[in-house]
């Protein structure tokens, strides 16, 4: 599931496939982008949630940039 963020970037929010079938996630991404990302220059695959396997899978696509996320806490007085 995803959407166009702006004129040049498509965001993939979630992807789900049967992991026992090799290449299924790659196929889902490929087909999704062919259908819905025709005008996209960039693909934002969102955060890896600190999950090492998810991080490696996303890095396999050779990202041009990764943004470090931060958490802001409110200080209660």
C-alpha atoms as a PDB file:
ATOM      1  CA  UNK A   1       0.000   0.000   0.000  1.00  0.00           C
ATOM      2  CA  UNK A   2       1.384   3.394  -0.901  1.00  0.00           C
ATOM      3  CA  UNK A   3       0.684   6.817  -2.337  1.00  0.00           C
ATOM      4  CA  UNK A   4       2.278   9.707  -4.159  1.00  0.00           C
ATOM      5  CA  UNK A   5       3.798  12.093  -1.619  1.00  0.00           C
ATOM      6  CA  UNK A   6       4.447  14.854  -4.145  1.00  0.00           C
ATOM      7  CA  UNK A   7       5.166  15.162  -7.866  1.00  0.00           C
ATOM      8  CA  UNK A   8       8.376  13.129  -7.681  1.00  0.00           C
ATOM      9  CA  UNK A   9       8.126  10.828  -4.665  1.00  0.00           C
ATOM     10  CA  UNK A  10       6.005   7.777  -3.982  1.00  0.00           C
ATOM     11  CA  UNK A  11       5.772   6.381  -0.436  1.00  0.00           C
ATOM     12  CA  UNK A  12       5.354   2.666   0.224  1.00  0.00           C
ATOM     13  CA  UNK A  13       3.687   2.400   3.621  1.00  0.00           C
ATOM     14  CA  UNK A  14       3.371  -1.375   3.952  1.00  0.00           C
ATOM     15  CA  UNK A  15       4.096  -4.432   1.868  1.00  0.00           C
ATOM     16  CA  UNK A  16       3.093  -8.005   2.641  1.00  0.00           C
ATOM     17  CA  UNK A  17       4.049 -11.207   0.870  1.00  0.00           C
ATOM     18  CA  UNK A  18       4.521 -14.882   1.628  1.00  0.00           C
ATOM     19  CA  UNK A  19       8.166 -15.111   2.721  1.00  0.00           C
ATOM     20  CA  UNK A  20       8.426 -18.800   1.773  1.00  0.00           C
ATOM     21  CA  UNK A  21       8.330 -17.767  -1.894  1.00  0.00           C
ATOM     22  CA  UNK A  22      11.697 -16.270  -2.786  1.00  0.00           C
ATOM     23  CA  UNK A  23      11.509 -12.928  -4.536  1.00  0.00           C
ATOM     24  CA  UNK A  24       7.891 -12.277  -3.590  1.00  0.00           C
ATOM     25  CA  UNK A  25       8.624  -8.946  -1.882  1.00  0.00           C
ATOM     26  CA  UNK A  26      10.741  -7.805  -4.822  1.00  0.00           C
ATOM     27  CA  UNK A  27       7.944  -8.773  -7.209  1.00  0.00           C
ATOM     28  CA  UNK A  28       5.367  -6.847  -5.184  1.00  0.00           C
ATOM     29  CA  UNK A  29       7.551  -3.729  -5.194  1.00  0.00           C
ATOM     30  CA  UNK A  30       8.287  -4.070  -8.894  1.00  0.00           C
ATOM     31  CA  UNK A  31       4.634  -4.508  -9.891  1.00  0.00           C
ATOM     32  CA  UNK A  32       3.415  -1.769  -7.539  1.00  0.00           C
ATOM     33  CA  UNK A  33       5.892   0.772  -8.896  1.00  0.00           C
ATOM     34  CA  UNK A  34       5.182  -0.163 -12.526  1.00  0.00           C
ATOM     35  CA  UNK A  35       1.480   0.439 -11.948  1.00  0.00           C
ATOM     36  CA  UNK A  36       1.411   3.380  -9.542  1.00  0.00           C
ATOM     37  CA  UNK A  37       4.901   4.899  -9.595  1.00  0.00           C
ATOM     38  CA  UNK A  38       5.266   5.665 -13.279  1.00  0.00           C
ATOM     39  CA  UNK A  39       5.920   9.360 -12.604  1.00  0.00           C
ATOM     40  CA  UNK A  40       7.990   8.862  -9.450  1.00  0.00           C
ATOM     41  CA  UNK A  41      11.654   9.792  -9.350  1.00  0.00           C
ATOM     42  CA  UNK A  42      12.123   8.677  -5.742  1.00  0.00           C
ATOM     43  CA  UNK A  43      10.669   5.860  -3.636  1.00  0.00           C
ATOM     44  CA  UNK A  44      10.323   6.367   0.115  1.00  0.00           C
ATOM     45  CA  UNK A  45      10.079   2.969   1.811  1.00  0.00           C
ATOM     46  CA  UNK A  46       9.676   4.501   5.279  1.00  0.00           C
ATOM     47  CA  UNK A  47      11.442   3.405   8.449  1.00  0.00           C
ATOM     48  CA  UNK A  48      12.859  -0.010   9.322  1.00  0.00           C
ATOM     49  CA  UNK A  49      11.518   0.079  12.899  1.00  0.00           C
ATOM     50  CA  UNK A  50      14.943  -1.003  14.167  1.00  0.00           C
ATOM     51  CA  UNK A  51      14.437  -4.496  12.697  1.00  0.00           C
ATOM     52  CA  UNK A  52      17.770  -5.674  11.279  1.00  0.00           C
ATOM     53  CA  UNK A  53      16.288  -7.909   8.548  1.00  0.00           C
ATOM     54  CA  UNK A  54      14.006  -5.111   7.383  1.00  0.00           C
ATOM     55  CA  UNK A  55      16.934  -2.694   7.352  1.00  0.00           C
ATOM     56  CA  UNK A  56      19.021  -5.062   5.207  1.00  0.00           C
ATOM     57  CA  UNK A  57      16.125  -5.602   2.804  1.00  0.00           C
ATOM     58  CA  UNK A  58      15.665  -1.860   2.359  1.00  0.00           C
ATOM     59  CA  UNK A  59      19.412  -1.252   1.981  1.00  0.00           C
ATOM     60  CA  UNK A  60      19.489  -3.869  -0.810  1.00  0.00           C
ATOM     61  CA  UNK A  61      17.671  -1.308  -2.987  1.00  0.00           C
ATOM     62  CA  UNK A  62      20.735   0.992  -2.717  1.00  0.00           C
ATOM     63  CA  UNK A  63      19.070   4.090  -1.217  1.00  0.00           C
ATOM     64  CA  UNK A  64      20.578   7.425  -2.213  1.00  0.00           C
ATOM     65  CA  UNK A  65      19.841   8.827   1.240  1.00  0.00           C
ATOM     66  CA  UNK A  66      18.619   7.691   4.628  1.00  0.00           C
ATOM     67  CA  UNK A  67      17.152  10.060   7.201  1.00  0.00           C
ATOM     68  CA  UNK A  68      17.778   9.434  10.885  1.00  0.00           C
ATOM     69  CA  UNK A  69      14.540   9.599  12.834  1.00  0.00           C
ATOM     70  CA  UNK A  70      14.325  11.147  16.288  1.00  0.00           C
ATOM     71  CA  UNK A  71      11.869  10.929  19.136  1.00  0.00           C
ATOM     72  CA  UNK A  72      10.921  14.088  20.983  1.00  0.00           C
ATOM     73  CA  UNK A  73       9.691  13.794  24.533  1.00  0.00           C
ATOM     74  CA  UNK A  74       7.729  16.439  26.342  1.00  0.00           C
ATOM     75  CA  UNK A  75       9.297  17.488  29.612  1.00  0.00           C
ATOM     76  CA  UNK A  76       6.709  17.751  32.348  1.00  0.00           C
ATOM     77  CA  UNK A  77       7.348  20.324  35.081  1.00  0.00           C
END
